[in-house]
């Protein structure tokens, strides 16, 4: 397994599909997935990633504030932050909320059949979700990722899975949840891989580090066990580099030394979970690798200028 797949696997996402949609031009809808759409899969998701696979035809897709993007059959759009967006057959149309168009089907999957009777566009809407708290790796991704299945490294398996899903839906069946979960995860990995390949070679960050086999492996180790008391020596030994070569290489690619990187991501994870989860400060301290609430609070205050308890109080008041 490559480093990117391994890092994203650590996020522990569950995937599936929740909507089979057929549109005929002219049409325009707003889309915004919520927890109710994935309730059959996860009771209380804390992070949602929506995606659309275009099976037939084409569409225009836009997030408010961004220019529209054309998406054609064989392409996928993913939304790591689950931003609301607009799907349309052309510009200048008044959108209808997708939620008002969804009809239940015998297999429990939502269905939409909407439009003016013209050119057909068929899409499958899916999701990735976790109930394990917000993950800062996902939060660091752009608002929208586009993936051309024809260029994907796992093209044959992805295309076969999409065809399987489309065929099952066509005869009123719900595709296997295990296949759809793996498909959803693979789509995310491929989309992030494609996005990272477009980044400038001199840009620093975790995505740039993942392209290096040694540093990518170190990142997978860190994110696989962020609460472990890692040292630079431990990580260097794991990736078969000397300590000095490892630290220099990591810093050059990622933009900061490895132990500083570990601290930053621990604090980001803590901040997100303070906002989204009802846990005690002591529980959170242990979850992100600190032996005591006091040590965690000191580190948090150094990073953000206030204690975690005070930060939580301000968020609750605001």
Protein backbone atom coordinates (compact mmCIF):
# COMPACT_ATOMS: atom_id res chain seq x y z
CA UNK A 1 0.00 0.00 0.00
CA UNK A 2 1.39 3.42 -0.94
CA UNK A 3 1.80 6.17 1.65
CA UNK A 4 -1.18 8.21 0.47
CA UNK A 5 -3.53 5.24 0.70
CA UNK A 6 -2.15 4.36 4.11
CA UNK A 7 -2.53 7.89 5.50
CA UNK A 8 -6.12 8.23 4.27
CA UNK A 9 -6.95 4.72 5.49
CA UNK A 10 -6.06 5.92 8.98
CA UNK A 11 -9.00 8.34 8.82
CA UNK A 12 -11.28 5.27 9.15
CA UNK A 13 -14.07 6.39 6.86
CA UNK A 14 -17.21 4.46 6.00
CA UNK A 15 -18.52 4.84 2.45
CA UNK A 16 -21.59 4.15 0.42
CA UNK A 17 -24.17 5.57 -1.97
CA UNK A 18 -27.44 7.24 -1.03
CA UNK A 19 -28.94 8.65 -4.24
CA UNK A 20 -29.53 7.57 -7.84
CA UNK A 21 -30.40 10.60 -9.98
CA UNK A 22 -31.60 11.08 -13.56
CA UNK A 23 -31.91 14.60 -14.94
CA UNK A 24 -33.17 15.84 -18.30
CA UNK A 25 -32.30 19.31 -19.62
CA UNK A 26 -33.04 21.96 -18.62
CA UNK A 27 -32.48 21.36 -14.92
CA UNK A 28 -30.72 22.94 -11.94
CA UNK A 29 -30.57 21.72 -8.34
CA UNK A 30 -28.84 22.62 -5.09
CA UNK A 31 -27.14 19.76 -3.26
CA UNK A 32 -26.07 19.60 0.36
CA UNK A 33 -25.72 16.21 2.02
CA UNK A 34 -26.64 15.99 5.71
CA UNK A 35 -26.43 13.39 8.46
CA UNK A 36 -29.87 12.05 7.60
CA UNK A 37 -28.64 10.88 4.20
CA UNK A 38 -26.13 8.49 5.78
CA UNK A 39 -28.16 7.46 8.83
CA UNK A 40 -28.54 3.85 7.59
CA UNK A 41 -24.74 3.60 7.63
CA UNK A 42 -23.67 5.81 10.59
CA UNK A 43 -25.93 7.04 13.38
CA UNK A 44 -23.89 10.12 14.31
CA UNK A 45 -21.37 11.10 11.62
CA UNK A 46 -18.96 13.87 12.58
CA UNK A 47 -17.37 14.38 9.17
CA UNK A 48 -19.01 13.99 5.77
CA UNK A 49 -17.51 13.95 2.28
CA UNK A 50 -20.02 14.01 -0.57
CA UNK A 51 -19.24 12.89 -4.11
CA UNK A 52 -20.98 12.57 -7.47
CA UNK A 53 -20.10 10.04 -10.19
CA UNK A 54 -21.39 11.09 -13.62
CA UNK A 55 -22.56 7.91 -15.36
CA UNK A 56 -24.05 9.48 -18.48
CA UNK A 57 -24.14 12.96 -20.00
CA UNK A 58 -22.57 16.05 -18.46
CA UNK A 59 -23.32 18.86 -16.02
CA UNK A 60 -22.09 22.18 -14.68
CA UNK A 61 -21.08 22.17 -11.02
CA UNK A 62 -20.25 25.11 -8.80
CA UNK A 63 -19.68 26.00 -5.17
CA UNK A 64 -20.92 29.51 -4.30
CA UNK A 65 -18.03 31.92 -4.72
CA UNK A 66 -16.13 29.68 -7.15
CA UNK A 67 -16.41 29.42 -10.96
CA UNK A 68 -18.45 26.55 -12.39
CA UNK A 69 -16.75 23.38 -13.63
CA UNK A 70 -17.99 21.07 -16.38
CA UNK A 71 -18.14 17.42 -15.34
CA UNK A 72 -18.64 14.71 -17.96
CA UNK A 73 -19.43 10.99 -17.94
CA UNK A 74 -16.51 9.12 -16.37
CA UNK A 75 -15.62 11.94 -14.01
CA UNK A 76 -16.15 12.35 -10.27
CA UNK A 77 -16.44 15.42 -8.04
CA UNK A 78 -15.70 15.11 -4.31
CA UNK A 79 -16.35 17.68 -1.56
CA UNK A 80 -13.99 17.09 1.41
CA UNK A 81 -15.71 19.80 3.47
CA UNK A 82 -19.21 18.76 2.38
CA UNK A 83 -19.81 22.25 0.96
CA UNK A 84 -23.22 22.92 -0.53
CA UNK A 85 -23.12 23.21 -4.33
CA UNK A 86 -25.21 23.64 -7.47
CA UNK A 87 -25.60 21.13 -10.30
CA UNK A 88 -27.13 22.28 -13.60
CA UNK A 89 -27.51 21.49 -17.28
CA UNK A 90 -26.55 25.08 -18.21
CA UNK A 91 -25.98 28.53 -16.78
CA UNK A 92 -28.70 30.92 -15.71
CA UNK A 93 -31.27 28.45 -14.37
CA UNK A 94 -33.15 28.75 -11.09
CA UNK A 95 -32.12 25.92 -8.76
CA UNK A 96 -34.50 23.56 -6.98
CA UNK A 97 -33.52 21.92 -3.68
CA UNK A 98 -32.65 18.27 -4.31
CA UNK A 99 -34.28 17.28 -1.03
CA UNK A 100 -37.71 18.21 -2.39
CA UNK A 101 -37.24 15.89 -5.38
CA UNK A 102 -36.06 12.69 -3.69
CA UNK A 103 -38.39 9.72 -3.88
CA UNK A 104 -37.84 6.54 -1.86
CA UNK A 105 -37.33 3.25 -3.66
CA UNK A 106 -37.89 -0.37 -2.69
CA UNK A 107 -34.19 -0.91 -1.95
CA UNK A 108 -34.05 2.08 0.40
CA UNK A 109 -31.95 4.23 -1.94
CA UNK A 110 -33.22 7.70 -2.76
CA UNK A 111 -34.13 8.39 -6.39
CA UNK A 112 -34.50 11.61 -8.35
CA UNK A 113 -36.05 11.94 -11.83
CA UNK A 114 -36.26 15.61 -12.74
CA UNK A 115 -36.02 18.03 -15.64
CA UNK A 116 -37.53 19.31 -18.86
CA UNK A 117 -37.25 16.22 -21.02
CA UNK A 118 -34.10 17.07 -22.98
CA UNK A 119 -30.56 15.70 -22.87
CA UNK A 120 -30.11 13.04 -20.15
CA UNK A 121 -27.58 13.18 -17.31
CA UNK A 122 -27.31 10.31 -14.85
CA UNK A 123 -25.32 10.49 -11.64
CA UNK A 124 -24.74 8.39 -8.55
CA UNK A 125 -24.34 10.35 -5.32
CA UNK A 126 -22.20 8.82 -2.61
CA UNK A 127 -20.47 9.67 0.61
CA UNK A 128 -17.59 9.01 2.94
CA UNK A 129 -18.19 9.59 6.64
CA UNK A 130 -16.65 9.01 10.03
CA UNK A 131 -18.04 8.98 13.54
CA UNK A 132 -14.57 9.12 15.08
CA UNK A 133 -14.19 12.91 15.26
CA UNK A 134 -13.04 15.47 12.73
CA UNK A 135 -9.76 14.61 11.05
CA UNK A 136 -7.49 17.54 10.16
CA UNK A 137 -6.05 15.68 7.16
CA UNK A 138 -9.43 15.85 5.45
CA UNK A 139 -9.98 19.41 6.66
CA UNK A 140 -6.74 20.44 4.90
CA UNK A 141 -8.00 19.39 1.46
CA UNK A 142 -9.50 21.89 -1.02
CA UNK A 143 -13.26 22.45 -1.16
CA UNK A 144 -13.62 20.44 -4.34
CA UNK A 145 -11.63 17.64 -5.96
CA UNK A 146 -12.16 16.44 -9.53
CA UNK A 147 -11.18 12.96 -10.65
CA UNK A 148 -11.12 11.59 -14.20
CA UNK A 149 -11.68 7.85 -13.81
CA UNK A 150 -9.92 7.26 -17.12
CA UNK A 151 -6.70 8.56 -15.57
CA UNK A 152 -7.01 6.89 -12.16
CA UNK A 153 -4.29 4.48 -11.03
CA UNK A 154 -7.03 2.03 -9.98
CA UNK A 155 -8.98 2.68 -13.17
CA UNK A 156 -10.01 -0.88 -13.99
CA UNK A 157 -11.29 -1.70 -10.50
CA UNK A 158 -13.02 1.68 -10.11
CA UNK A 159 -14.72 1.43 -13.49
CA UNK A 160 -15.85 -2.13 -12.78
CA UNK A 161 -17.28 -1.06 -9.41
CA UNK A 162 -19.11 1.91 -10.93
CA UNK A 163 -20.54 -0.32 -13.66
CA UNK A 164 -21.60 -2.83 -11.02
CA UNK A 165 -23.36 -0.12 -9.03
CA UNK A 166 -25.09 1.29 -12.10
CA UNK A 167 -26.27 -2.17 -13.18
CA UNK A 168 -27.62 -3.01 -9.73
CA UNK A 169 -29.45 0.30 -9.51
CA UNK A 170 -30.93 -0.17 -12.99
CA UNK A 171 -32.72 -3.33 -11.84
CA UNK A 172 -33.80 -1.90 -8.51
CA UNK A 173 -31.14 -3.49 -6.33
CA UNK A 174 -28.93 -1.84 -3.73
CA UNK A 175 -25.25 -2.55 -4.55
CA UNK A 176 -23.15 -4.42 -2.00
CA UNK A 177 -22.22 -2.10 0.87
CA UNK A 178 -18.72 -3.56 1.08
CA UNK A 179 -18.06 -2.85 -2.60
CA UNK A 180 -19.49 0.66 -2.33
CA UNK A 181 -17.48 1.40 0.81
CA UNK A 182 -14.25 0.36 -0.89
CA UNK A 183 -15.21 2.27 -4.03
CA UNK A 184 -15.83 5.44 -2.00
CA UNK A 185 -12.46 5.15 -0.26
CA UNK A 186 -10.67 4.48 -3.55
CA UNK A 187 -12.28 7.51 -5.20
CA UNK A 188 -10.98 9.72 -2.39
CA UNK A 189 -7.47 8.29 -2.57
CA UNK A 190 -7.36 8.68 -6.36
CA UNK A 191 -8.74 12.23 -6.23
CA UNK A 192 -6.21 13.31 -3.60
CA UNK A 193 -3.42 11.63 -5.57
CA UNK A 194 -4.45 13.45 -8.74
CA UNK A 195 -4.68 16.76 -6.89
CA UNK A 196 -1.30 16.33 -5.21
CA UNK A 197 0.33 15.66 -8.59
CA UNK A 198 -0.70 19.16 -9.72
CA UNK A 199 0.97 20.92 -6.78
CA UNK A 200 4.20 22.82 -7.52
CA UNK A 201 7.30 20.83 -6.64
CA UNK A 202 8.49 23.61 -4.32
CA UNK A 203 5.24 23.73 -2.33
CA UNK A 204 5.52 22.33 1.18
CA UNK A 205 2.95 20.42 3.18
CA UNK A 206 1.78 16.90 3.99
CA UNK A 207 0.59 16.22 0.44
CA UNK A 208 4.00 17.12 -0.97
CA UNK A 209 5.68 14.94 1.64
CA UNK A 210 3.52 11.99 0.67
CA UNK A 211 5.09 11.93 -2.78
CA UNK A 212 8.43 10.96 -1.24
CA UNK A 213 8.58 7.26 -0.27
CA UNK A 214 10.57 7.82 2.94
CA UNK A 215 8.69 10.89 4.16
CA UNK A 216 5.38 9.47 2.99
CA UNK A 217 5.98 6.41 5.15
CA UNK A 218 6.85 8.63 8.12
CA UNK A 219 3.64 10.61 7.66
CA UNK A 220 1.65 7.38 7.54
CA UNK A 221 3.28 6.28 10.80
CA UNK A 222 2.56 9.61 12.50
CA UNK A 223 -1.07 9.75 11.44
CA UNK A 224 -1.54 6.06 12.11
CA UNK A 225 -0.67 6.61 15.78
CA UNK A 226 -0.66 10.32 16.50
CA UNK A 227 -0.73 9.75 20.27
CA UNK A 228 2.51 7.75 20.30
CA UNK A 229 5.54 9.48 21.83
CA UNK A 230 7.46 9.61 18.53
CA UNK A 231 11.02 10.88 18.37
CA UNK A 232 12.90 11.87 15.25
CA UNK A 233 15.20 8.90 15.87
CA UNK A 234 12.24 6.48 15.98
CA UNK A 235 10.82 7.76 12.71
CA UNK A 236 14.20 7.85 10.96
CA UNK A 237 14.83 4.22 11.94
CA UNK A 238 11.39 3.18 10.67
CA UNK A 239 12.02 4.70 7.23
CA UNK A 240 15.66 3.55 6.97
CA UNK A 241 17.35 6.96 7.03
CA UNK A 242 19.86 8.52 9.37
CA UNK A 243 18.36 10.96 11.83
CA UNK A 244 19.99 14.01 10.23
CA UNK A 245 19.07 12.98 6.67
CA UNK A 246 15.50 12.25 7.75
CA UNK A 247 15.01 15.55 9.59
CA UNK A 248 16.51 17.55 6.71
CA UNK A 249 14.40 15.74 4.11
CA UNK A 250 11.20 15.97 6.14
CA UNK A 251 11.69 19.68 6.84
CA UNK A 252 12.45 20.47 3.20
CA UNK A 253 9.37 18.69 1.85
CA UNK A 254 6.79 19.28 4.58
CA UNK A 255 7.92 22.73 5.69
CA UNK A 256 8.67 21.98 9.34
CA UNK A 257 10.67 19.42 11.39
CA UNK A 258 8.92 16.11 12.12
CA UNK A 259 8.29 16.62 15.84
CA UNK A 260 6.97 20.12 15.22
CA UNK A 261 4.69 18.61 12.56
CA UNK A 262 3.46 16.04 15.08
CA UNK A 263 2.67 18.78 17.60
CA UNK A 264 0.84 20.90 15.01
CA UNK A 265 -1.40 18.04 13.92
CA UNK A 266 -2.06 16.99 17.50
CA UNK A 267 -3.20 20.53 18.25
CA UNK A 268 -5.33 20.72 15.10
CA UNK A 269 -6.98 17.43 15.97
CA UNK A 270 -7.54 18.65 19.53
CA UNK A 271 -9.04 21.94 18.35
CA UNK A 272 -11.45 20.24 15.97
CA UNK A 273 -12.52 17.71 18.56
CA UNK A 274 -12.96 20.38 21.23
CA UNK A 275 -15.41 22.06 18.90
CA UNK A 276 -17.27 18.97 17.76
CA UNK A 277 -17.12 16.40 20.55
CA UNK A 278 -18.35 16.39 24.13
CA UNK A 279 -15.26 14.99 25.80
CA UNK A 280 -13.39 16.10 28.89
CA UNK A 281 -10.08 17.94 28.53
CA UNK A 282 -8.32 15.00 30.22
CA UNK A 283 -9.83 12.51 27.73
CA UNK A 284 -8.81 14.69 24.81
CA UNK A 285 -5.29 15.10 26.19
CA UNK A 286 -4.85 11.33 26.25
CA UNK A 287 -6.38 10.93 22.76
CA UNK A 288 -3.78 13.22 21.19
CA UNK A 289 -0.76 11.83 22.99
CA UNK A 290 -0.31 13.75 26.25
CA UNK A 291 0.17 11.95 29.55
CA UNK A 292 -1.56 14.64 31.60
CA UNK A 293 -4.20 17.32 31.20
CA UNK A 294 -1.69 19.89 32.45
CA UNK A 295 0.91 19.08 29.78
CA UNK A 296 -1.74 19.18 27.07
CA UNK A 297 -3.12 22.51 28.31
CA UNK A 298 0.36 24.06 28.30
CA UNK A 299 1.00 22.88 24.73
CA UNK A 300 -2.43 24.09 23.59
CA UNK A 301 -1.87 27.54 25.17
CA UNK A 302 1.54 27.86 23.50
CA UNK A 303 -0.10 27.11 20.15
CA UNK A 304 -3.30 29.15 20.40
CA UNK A 305 -2.74 31.67 23.20
CA UNK A 306 -5.37 30.28 25.58
CA UNK A 307 -6.21 27.12 27.48
CA UNK A 308 -8.37 24.43 25.80
CA UNK A 309 -11.09 25.02 28.41
CA UNK A 310 -11.16 28.73 27.63
CA UNK A 311 -11.17 28.07 23.89
CA UNK A 312 -14.13 25.71 24.27
CA UNK A 313 -16.00 28.30 26.36
CA UNK A 314 -15.45 30.98 23.71
CA UNK A 315 -16.65 28.69 20.95
CA UNK A 316 -19.77 27.81 22.95
CA UNK A 317 -20.49 31.50 23.64
CA UNK A 318 -19.91 32.53 20.03
